[in-house]
Protein backbone atom coordinates (compact mmCIF):
# COMPACT_ATOMS: atom_id res chain seq x y z
CA MET A 1 0.00 0.00 0.00
CA THR A 2 1.01 3.62 -0.44
CA ASP A 3 3.21 4.96 2.36
CA SER A 4 3.65 8.45 3.73
CA ARG A 5 6.03 9.42 0.97
CA PHE A 6 3.08 9.62 -1.37
CA VAL A 7 0.93 11.90 0.80
CA VAL A 8 0.44 15.57 0.02
CA ASN A 9 -1.78 18.12 1.70
CA ARG A 10 -2.12 20.70 -1.06
CA ARG A 11 -5.62 21.16 -2.46
CA THR A 12 -4.43 22.29 -5.87
CA VAL A 13 -1.23 21.01 -7.39
CA LEU A 14 0.67 22.46 -10.30
CA ALA A 15 3.09 19.85 -11.55
CA GLY A 16 6.10 20.93 -13.56
CA VAL A 17 7.42 24.33 -14.57
CA GLY A 18 7.71 26.27 -17.79
CA SER A 19 5.76 28.65 -19.95
CA LEU A 20 2.23 28.11 -21.25
CA PRO A 21 2.00 26.75 -24.80
CA LEU A 22 2.43 29.27 -27.58
CA VAL A 23 -0.82 30.45 -29.10
CA ALA A 24 -1.25 30.84 -32.81
CA ALA A 25 -2.86 33.85 -34.43
CA LEU A 26 -6.35 32.35 -34.34
CA GLY A 27 -6.07 31.44 -30.66
CA LYS A 28 -5.28 27.74 -31.20
CA PRO A 29 -2.16 26.09 -29.74
CA ALA A 30 0.62 25.23 -32.17
CA ILE A 31 0.15 21.58 -33.07
CA ALA A 32 2.50 20.42 -35.80
CA GLN A 33 5.56 18.34 -35.03
CA GLY A 34 8.55 20.61 -34.85
CA ALA A 35 6.49 23.50 -33.44
CA THR A 36 7.79 25.23 -30.33
CA GLY A 37 6.33 25.35 -26.84
CA ASN A 38 5.31 22.80 -24.25
CA VAL A 39 2.63 20.16 -24.77
CA PRO A 40 0.10 20.77 -21.96
CA LEU A 41 -1.74 17.88 -20.34
CA GLY A 42 -4.13 18.07 -17.38
CA MET A 43 -5.41 15.77 -14.66
CA VAL A 44 -8.20 16.09 -12.10
CA LEU A 45 -7.24 13.94 -9.10
CA PRO A 46 -8.62 13.58 -5.55
CA PHE A 47 -6.51 15.07 -2.76
CA SER A 48 -9.36 15.87 -0.38
CA GLY A 49 -12.83 14.58 0.41
CA ALA A 50 -13.93 10.95 0.69
CA THR A 51 -11.51 9.67 -1.98
CA GLY A 52 -8.57 11.93 -1.14
CA SER A 53 -6.31 9.01 -0.24
CA TYR A 54 -5.95 8.00 -3.89
CA GLY A 55 -4.63 11.25 -5.37
CA PRO A 56 -1.05 11.35 -4.08
CA ALA A 57 0.12 8.07 -5.62
CA MET A 58 -1.66 8.86 -8.90
CA LYS A 59 0.04 12.27 -8.97
CA GLN A 60 3.41 10.72 -8.30
CA ALA A 61 2.96 8.19 -11.12
CA ALA A 62 1.89 10.81 -13.65
CA GLU A 63 4.78 13.10 -12.76
CA LEU A 64 7.27 10.25 -13.00
CA VAL A 65 6.31 9.28 -16.53
CA VAL A 66 6.32 12.92 -17.66
CA SER A 67 9.86 13.25 -16.28
CA LYS A 68 10.97 10.11 -18.11
CA VAL A 69 9.55 11.35 -21.40
CA ASN A 70 11.06 14.82 -21.03
CA GLU A 71 14.46 13.52 -19.96
CA ALA A 72 14.49 11.33 -23.07
CA GLY A 73 13.93 14.33 -25.34
CA GLY A 74 10.19 14.94 -25.16
CA ILE A 75 7.76 14.38 -28.02
CA LEU A 76 6.82 15.95 -31.36
CA GLY A 77 10.31 16.98 -32.36
CA GLY A 78 11.74 17.70 -28.92
CA ARG A 79 8.88 19.48 -27.18
CA LYS A 80 8.49 18.99 -23.45
CA VAL A 81 5.32 17.69 -21.84
CA LYS A 82 3.91 19.95 -19.11
CA LEU A 83 1.51 18.47 -16.59
CA PHE A 84 -1.13 20.47 -14.70
CA ILE A 85 -2.97 18.77 -11.83
CA GLU A 86 -6.10 20.00 -10.04
CA ASP A 87 -7.86 18.64 -6.95
CA SER A 88 -11.29 17.11 -7.62
CA GLU A 89 -12.10 17.50 -3.90
CA THR A 90 -14.24 14.35 -4.45
CA SER A 91 -16.84 16.80 -5.76
CA ALA A 92 -18.63 16.96 -9.09
CA THR A 93 -18.88 20.75 -8.84
CA ALA A 94 -15.19 21.17 -8.04
CA SER A 95 -14.24 18.79 -10.86
CA VAL A 96 -16.17 20.84 -13.42
CA ALA A 97 -14.41 24.02 -12.22
CA ALA A 98 -11.04 22.24 -12.32
CA SER A 99 -11.68 20.95 -15.84
CA LYS A 100 -12.66 24.41 -17.07
CA LYS A 101 -9.48 25.87 -15.60
CA LEU A 102 -7.35 23.22 -17.31
CA LEU A 103 -9.09 23.78 -20.64
CA GLU A 104 -9.42 27.56 -20.63
CA VAL A 105 -6.32 28.67 -18.71
CA ASN A 106 -3.81 25.88 -19.26
CA LYS A 107 -5.05 25.01 -22.78
CA VAL A 108 -4.65 21.25 -22.26
CA GLU A 109 -5.40 18.67 -24.96
CA LEU A 110 -6.14 15.98 -22.35
CA VAL A 111 -8.12 16.14 -19.13
CA GLY A 112 -7.28 12.88 -17.36
CA GLY A 113 -7.36 11.42 -13.88
CA PHE A 114 -11.00 11.21 -12.69
CA TRP A 115 -10.92 8.58 -9.98
CA GLY A 116 -14.60 9.18 -9.16
CA SER A 117 -17.60 8.58 -11.41
CA PRO A 118 -19.75 11.57 -10.32
CA GLU A 119 -16.79 13.86 -10.99
CA ALA A 120 -16.12 12.33 -14.42
CA LEU A 121 -19.78 12.44 -15.46
CA ALA A 122 -20.12 16.09 -14.46
CA ALA A 123 -16.97 17.10 -16.35
CA LYS A 124 -17.70 14.99 -19.44
CA PRO A 125 -19.91 17.51 -21.34
CA VAL A 126 -17.47 20.35 -20.64
CA ILE A 127 -14.53 18.40 -22.06
CA LEU A 128 -16.45 17.08 -25.08
CA ALA A 129 -17.75 20.56 -25.89
CA ALA A 130 -14.13 21.70 -26.05
CA ASN A 131 -13.29 18.73 -28.35
CA LYS A 132 -10.58 17.52 -25.99
CA VAL A 133 -9.81 14.01 -24.74
CA GLN A 134 -11.03 12.75 -21.38
CA MET A 135 -9.25 9.78 -19.80
CA LEU A 136 -10.72 8.06 -16.77
CA SER A 137 -9.90 5.91 -13.79
CA CYS A 138 -13.57 5.62 -12.82
CA ALA A 139 -16.09 2.88 -13.36
CA ALA A 140 -19.63 4.17 -14.04
CA ASN A 141 -20.86 2.69 -17.32
CA ALA A 142 -22.51 5.97 -18.32
CA VAL A 143 -19.21 7.78 -18.82
CA THR A 144 -18.53 6.01 -22.11
CA GLU A 145 -22.17 5.81 -23.22
CA GLY A 146 -23.79 8.12 -25.78
CA ASP A 147 -21.90 10.16 -28.36
CA THR A 148 -18.36 10.50 -26.98
CA LYS A 149 -16.93 11.71 -30.32
CA GLY A 150 -14.26 9.02 -29.86
CA LEU A 151 -12.64 11.28 -27.24
CA ILE A 152 -13.12 9.22 -24.05
CA TYR A 153 -10.92 6.36 -22.82
CA ARG A 154 -11.41 4.43 -19.60
CA LEU A 155 -8.36 2.84 -17.95
CA GLN A 156 -10.49 0.98 -15.44
CA ALA A 157 -13.08 -1.79 -15.30
CA LYS A 158 -16.68 -0.69 -15.86
CA SER A 159 -19.07 -0.84 -12.91
CA SER A 160 -21.03 -3.64 -14.58
CA GLN A 161 -17.84 -5.76 -14.47
CA TRP A 162 -17.39 -5.27 -10.70
CA GLY A 163 -20.68 -6.98 -9.86
CA PRO A 164 -19.85 -10.36 -11.45
CA ALA A 165 -16.40 -10.23 -9.83
CA GLY A 166 -18.09 -9.83 -6.45
CA ALA A 167 -20.32 -12.84 -7.16
CA LYS A 168 -17.24 -14.94 -7.95
CA VAL A 169 -15.81 -14.01 -4.56
CA MET A 170 -19.08 -15.12 -2.96
CA ASP A 171 -18.71 -18.43 -4.76
CA LYS A 172 -15.14 -18.84 -3.49
CA ILE A 173 -16.21 -18.31 0.13
CA GLY A 174 -19.27 -20.56 -0.18
CA ALA A 175 -21.90 -17.84 0.21
CA LYS A 176 -25.13 -18.75 -1.59
CA LYS A 177 -27.80 -16.65 0.17
CA VAL A 178 -26.68 -13.03 0.12
CA THR A 179 -27.94 -9.47 0.48
CA VAL A 180 -26.63 -6.23 -1.01
CA LEU A 181 -26.03 -3.03 0.95
CA ALA A 182 -25.17 -0.29 -1.54
CA GLN A 183 -24.58 3.43 -1.71
CA GLN A 184 -26.80 5.32 -4.13
CA ASN A 185 -24.35 6.62 -6.73
CA PRO A 186 -23.78 5.96 -10.47
CA PHE A 187 -20.57 3.99 -9.90
CA ILE A 188 -22.21 1.56 -7.50
CA VAL A 189 -25.79 1.28 -8.78
CA ALA A 190 -24.54 -0.20 -12.07
CA MET A 191 -22.98 -3.14 -10.18
CA VAL A 192 -26.16 -4.46 -8.59
CA GLU A 193 -28.03 -6.13 -11.48
CA PRO A 194 -24.89 -7.78 -12.95
CA PHE A 195 -24.10 -9.08 -9.45
CA LYS A 196 -27.58 -10.57 -9.14
CA SER A 197 -27.31 -12.17 -12.58
CA GLU A 198 -23.94 -13.74 -11.82
CA MET A 199 -25.16 -15.03 -8.44
CA LYS A 200 -28.02 -16.76 -10.21
CA LYS A 201 -25.58 -18.36 -12.67
CA ILE A 202 -23.53 -19.85 -9.83
CA GLY A 203 -26.61 -21.16 -8.03
CA GLY A 204 -26.87 -18.38 -5.47
CA GLU A 205 -29.67 -16.01 -4.50
CA VAL A 206 -29.84 -12.30 -3.70
CA VAL A 207 -32.57 -12.10 -1.06
CA ASP A 208 -32.60 -8.31 -0.65
CA VAL A 209 -31.03 -5.10 -1.92
CA VAL A 210 -30.78 -2.24 0.58
CA MET A 211 -29.81 1.16 -0.80
CA TYR A 212 -28.61 4.15 1.22
CA ASN A 213 -27.59 7.73 0.52
CA PRO A 214 -24.02 8.96 0.99
CA ASP A 215 -23.24 11.11 4.04
CA GLN A 216 -26.13 9.88 6.15
CA ALA A 217 -26.00 10.72 9.86
CA SER A 218 -26.55 7.01 10.65
CA TYR A 219 -26.61 3.72 8.74
CA ARG A 220 -28.01 1.61 11.58
CA ALA A 221 -31.42 0.96 10.02
CA GLU A 222 -29.90 -0.10 6.69
CA VAL A 223 -27.33 -2.36 8.37
CA GLU A 224 -29.98 -4.03 10.49
CA LYS A 225 -32.15 -4.64 7.44
CA ALA A 226 -29.30 -6.08 5.33
CA PHE A 227 -27.82 -8.28 8.08
CA GLY A 228 -30.98 -9.05 10.03
CA ARG A 229 -32.05 -11.81 7.66
CA GLU A 230 -28.83 -13.65 8.54
CA PRO A 231 -27.62 -14.22 4.97
CA ASP A 232 -24.44 -16.15 4.31
CA ALA A 233 -22.81 -12.88 3.28
CA VAL A 234 -23.53 -9.25 2.52
CA PHE A 235 -22.08 -7.48 -0.51
CA VAL A 236 -21.35 -4.02 0.92
CA LEU A 237 -20.81 -1.40 -1.80
CA PRO A 238 -19.46 1.82 -0.23
CA LEU A 239 -16.84 4.54 -0.36
CA LEU A 240 -14.45 5.06 2.55
CA THR A 241 -16.39 7.40 4.83
CA ASP A 242 -19.63 5.42 4.80
CA MET A 243 -17.79 2.08 5.11
CA VAL A 244 -16.15 3.30 8.30
CA SER A 245 -19.55 4.04 9.84
CA ILE A 246 -21.21 0.92 8.42
CA SER A 247 -18.50 -1.45 9.65
CA LYS A 248 -18.77 -0.02 13.17
CA GLU A 249 -22.53 -0.62 13.08
CA ILE A 250 -21.97 -4.21 11.92
CA PHE A 251 -19.47 -4.81 14.72
CA ARG A 252 -21.73 -3.17 17.32
CA GLY A 253 -24.66 -5.31 16.18
CA GLY A 254 -22.70 -8.56 16.50
CA PHE A 255 -23.79 -9.81 13.07
CA SER A 256 -22.15 -13.01 11.88
CA SER A 257 -22.68 -12.88 8.09
CA LYS A 258 -19.51 -12.68 6.03
CA ILE A 259 -18.72 -9.33 4.43
CA VAL A 260 -17.51 -8.84 0.87
CA SER A 261 -16.88 -5.20 0.02
CA LEU A 262 -15.10 -2.94 -2.42
CA GLY A 263 -11.57 -1.70 -1.89
CA THR A 264 -12.97 1.80 -2.43
CA GLY A 265 -14.44 1.46 1.05
CA ALA A 266 -12.67 -1.34 2.90
CA ASP A 267 -9.16 -0.45 1.78
CA ALA A 268 -8.67 3.10 0.38
CA GLU A 269 -4.87 2.77 0.43
CA GLY A 270 -4.96 1.45 3.99
CA LYS A 271 -7.07 4.33 5.34
CA PHE A 272 -9.99 2.04 6.29
CA LEU A 273 -7.91 -0.04 8.68
CA GLN A 274 -6.42 3.10 10.18
CA ALA A 275 -9.90 4.48 10.79
CA VAL A 276 -11.63 1.46 12.36
CA GLY A 277 -8.82 -0.66 13.81
CA PRO A 278 -8.11 -4.37 13.37
CA GLU A 279 -10.95 -5.72 15.53
CA VAL A 280 -13.72 -4.03 13.53
CA ALA A 281 -12.06 -4.77 10.18
CA GLU A 282 -11.23 -8.43 10.85
CA GLY A 283 -12.57 -10.88 8.27
CA ILE A 284 -13.71 -8.40 5.63
CA TYR A 285 -13.01 -9.39 2.02
CA HIS A 286 -12.58 -6.58 -0.50
CA LEU A 287 -11.90 -6.38 -4.22
CA GLN A 288 -10.67 -3.79 -6.70
CA PRO A 289 -9.62 -3.82 -10.36
CA SER A 290 -6.02 -4.85 -10.45
CA PRO A 291 -3.02 -4.53 -12.69
CA SER A 292 -1.37 -7.75 -13.73
CA ILE A 293 0.73 -7.81 -10.58
CA ASP A 294 2.95 -10.66 -11.82
CA SER A 295 3.75 -8.98 -15.14
CA PRO A 296 7.10 -7.38 -16.09
CA SER A 297 5.23 -4.16 -16.87
CA TYR A 298 3.92 -3.90 -13.34
CA ALA A 299 7.26 -4.84 -11.77
CA ARG A 300 8.90 -2.05 -13.78
CA PHE A 301 6.29 0.41 -12.53
CA VAL A 302 6.75 -0.52 -8.86
CA LYS A 303 10.48 0.05 -9.23
CA GLU A 304 9.88 3.44 -10.88
CA MET A 305 7.64 4.39 -7.95
CA GLY A 306 10.48 3.62 -5.54
CA ALA A 307 8.32 1.11 -3.69
CA PRO A 308 9.27 -2.34 -2.33
CA GLU A 309 8.91 -5.29 -4.65
CA GLY A 310 5.40 -6.68 -4.46
CA THR A 311 3.73 -3.40 -3.49
CA VAL A 312 0.15 -3.29 -4.80
CA PHE A 313 -0.82 0.00 -6.48
CA LEU A 314 -4.40 -0.39 -7.63
CA PHE A 315 -4.95 3.04 -9.20
CA ALA A 316 -1.61 4.81 -9.58
CA GLY A 317 -0.81 2.69 -12.63
CA ASN A 318 -3.89 4.10 -14.37
CA ALA A 319 -2.49 7.63 -14.13
CA TRP A 320 0.88 6.43 -15.45
CA ASP A 321 -0.87 4.72 -18.35
CA GLN A 322 -2.97 7.76 -19.22
CA VAL A 323 0.15 9.83 -19.81
CA CYS A 324 1.86 7.01 -21.73
CA VAL A 325 -1.10 6.42 -24.02
CA THR A 326 -1.47 10.14 -24.68
CA VAL A 327 2.14 10.84 -25.65
CA LEU A 328 2.36 7.70 -27.78
CA ALA A 329 -0.82 8.60 -29.65
CA MET A 330 0.41 12.17 -30.18
CA GLU A 331 3.73 10.91 -31.50
CA HIS A 332 1.96 8.47 -33.81
CA ALA A 333 -0.38 11.19 -35.12
CA LYS A 334 2.43 13.77 -35.24
CA THR A 335 0.24 16.35 -33.54
CA GLN A 336 -1.06 17.43 -30.13
CA GLU A 337 -4.50 18.27 -31.58
CA ALA A 338 -6.93 16.14 -29.60
CA ASP A 339 -9.45 15.23 -32.28
CA VAL A 340 -6.58 13.96 -34.43
CA TRP A 341 -4.38 12.05 -31.98
CA THR A 342 -7.38 10.33 -30.39
CA LYS A 343 -7.64 8.28 -33.60
CA SER A 344 -4.14 6.89 -32.91
CA VAL A 345 -4.86 5.51 -29.42
CA ARG A 346 -5.86 2.02 -30.53
CA GLU A 347 -3.11 2.09 -33.18
CA VAL A 348 -0.42 2.21 -30.48
CA CYS A 349 -2.23 0.22 -27.77
CA ASN A 350 -4.18 -2.69 -29.28
CA PRO A 351 -2.78 -5.76 -31.02
CA PRO A 352 -1.34 -6.47 -33.48
CA GLY A 353 2.02 -4.87 -32.96
CA GLU A 354 5.20 -5.59 -31.06
CA PRO A 355 4.50 -5.75 -27.31
CA ILE A 356 6.39 -3.04 -25.40
CA ASP A 357 6.08 -1.64 -21.88
CA ASP A 358 8.96 0.84 -21.74
CA ILE A 359 7.58 4.27 -22.66
CA VAL A 360 10.91 5.66 -23.88
CA GLU A 361 11.55 2.67 -26.14
CA ALA A 362 7.94 2.72 -27.30
CA LEU A 363 8.28 6.34 -28.41
CA LYS A 364 11.44 5.47 -30.34
CA MET A 365 9.64 2.64 -32.12
CA VAL A 366 6.72 4.88 -33.06
CA ARG A 367 9.14 7.45 -34.55
CA GLN A 368 10.73 4.65 -36.55
CA GLY A 369 7.33 3.75 -37.99
CA LYS A 370 7.10 0.42 -36.18
CA SER A 371 3.75 -1.05 -35.12
CA ILE A 372 3.54 -1.37 -31.32
CA ASN A 373 1.18 -2.91 -28.76
CA PHE A 374 1.82 -0.87 -25.61
CA ASN A 375 1.26 -2.65 -22.29
CA GLY A 376 0.85 -0.37 -19.30
CA ALA A 377 1.41 -0.47 -15.56
CA GLY A 378 -2.29 -0.59 -14.65
CA SER A 379 -3.58 -2.71 -17.53
CA THR A 380 -2.78 -3.96 -21.02
CA CYS A 381 -4.16 -0.63 -22.35
CA ASP A 382 -6.35 -2.37 -24.92
CA PHE A 383 -9.61 -0.55 -25.74
CA ASP A 384 -12.88 -1.43 -27.42
CA GLU A 385 -14.65 0.86 -29.90
CA LYS A 386 -16.28 2.85 -27.04
CA GLY A 387 -12.95 3.47 -25.32
CA ASP A 388 -13.54 0.95 -22.52
CA SER A 389 -10.68 -1.17 -21.21
CA LEU A 390 -10.44 -4.82 -22.18
CA ASN A 391 -8.90 -7.72 -20.22
CA ARG A 392 -9.40 -6.41 -16.67
CA SER A 393 -9.03 -8.56 -13.55
CA PHE A 394 -9.82 -7.97 -9.86
CA TYR A 395 -7.50 -8.38 -6.90
CA VAL A 396 -9.17 -9.74 -3.76
CA GLN A 397 -7.80 -9.22 -0.25
CA LEU A 398 -8.87 -10.40 3.21
CA ILE A 399 -8.31 -8.29 6.31
CA LYS A 400 -6.68 -10.64 8.78
CA GLY A 401 -4.75 -9.83 11.92
CA GLY A 402 -4.88 -6.12 11.23
CA LYS A 403 -3.44 -6.45 7.70
CA ASN A 404 -4.67 -6.71 4.13
CA THR A 405 -3.67 -10.19 3.00
CA PRO A 406 -3.90 -11.60 -0.57
CA PHE A 407 -6.90 -13.85 -1.19
CA GLY A 408 -6.91 -14.27 -4.96
CA VAL A 409 -7.57 -12.80 -8.39
CA VAL A 410 -10.88 -13.06 -10.26
CA SER A 411 -11.62 -12.00 -13.83
């Protein structure tokens, strides 16, 4: 998990130094290879609010890959990449304001980051109206639905894929009669029906679904309803702040049903355990989309992050990959103009092509006209026609003895 080296307290972060991109006579940034000026990219990441624990490691990863690219000579004929990062504050309103600042002040061609679904959905129309690319680390299905102009790419599993993964965990722990306790938000709501369908396939039954609103003063009534029927297990679908309150209610009530949750609530980079202590957290299973933690690409990333071998970064790799995919697509298209380089994303990421995970070597190969299949730190970086990630798996952990311990991987 992320240690204190990755924690920052700033609410708004400006990463990198240098002048703003040069502006052409008609107010558009210079775009052709060989033009002068920096190539501006933006990210909206959480440093405060309910998901604030995820921002620091994502920021670190994005800054590291920008440094690698710039130290190796930059892109588009020697231009440097400049990264601007704003705090989402875990707020849709703040994320819209941050996106507008990145687009209107910093003139970015990419607005990436977006750990949270409400934030991404709110910012989506602003970014599309500007004809810029939005890259995501959030899960709500709706983000890639509708007319995206081919400008949206998700480096994360969709919400509808999380539900079946949760059902497979239920199967592994022998839970057949289960209930669902879920926060009312777009990210989570989309998991429920796929979870029910998968439970039915494996011979299980969802006996009740209990929804609650975020930031309630108390969750006691909802907990009692979900656990009172004494199911084999409860699939608890929260974010960190509500999971802290819910788990204390479960412990106080002495309920014996097993708990399967999301890492967004029962992990949050170790913040859950810090908040509730080992006794309350004991025995909770939690899952999150995972990089291929045994792959050379992931091992390379962990080393770049300066972390011990075997460290599990569940979201930082997505930020790394967003920058890699962007600069490779720009280099392939020979322009920073968003509605042009977006057409090169699948050209540099999807098979066929020579597999490569080193961003500096990958850029060299693109300049040489070679076909590449870039594999990232967070995923294989393969995308379908809607911009959704392919080939995602989920890492499952069990809280045991005051620690997150590996339980398995489900796909």
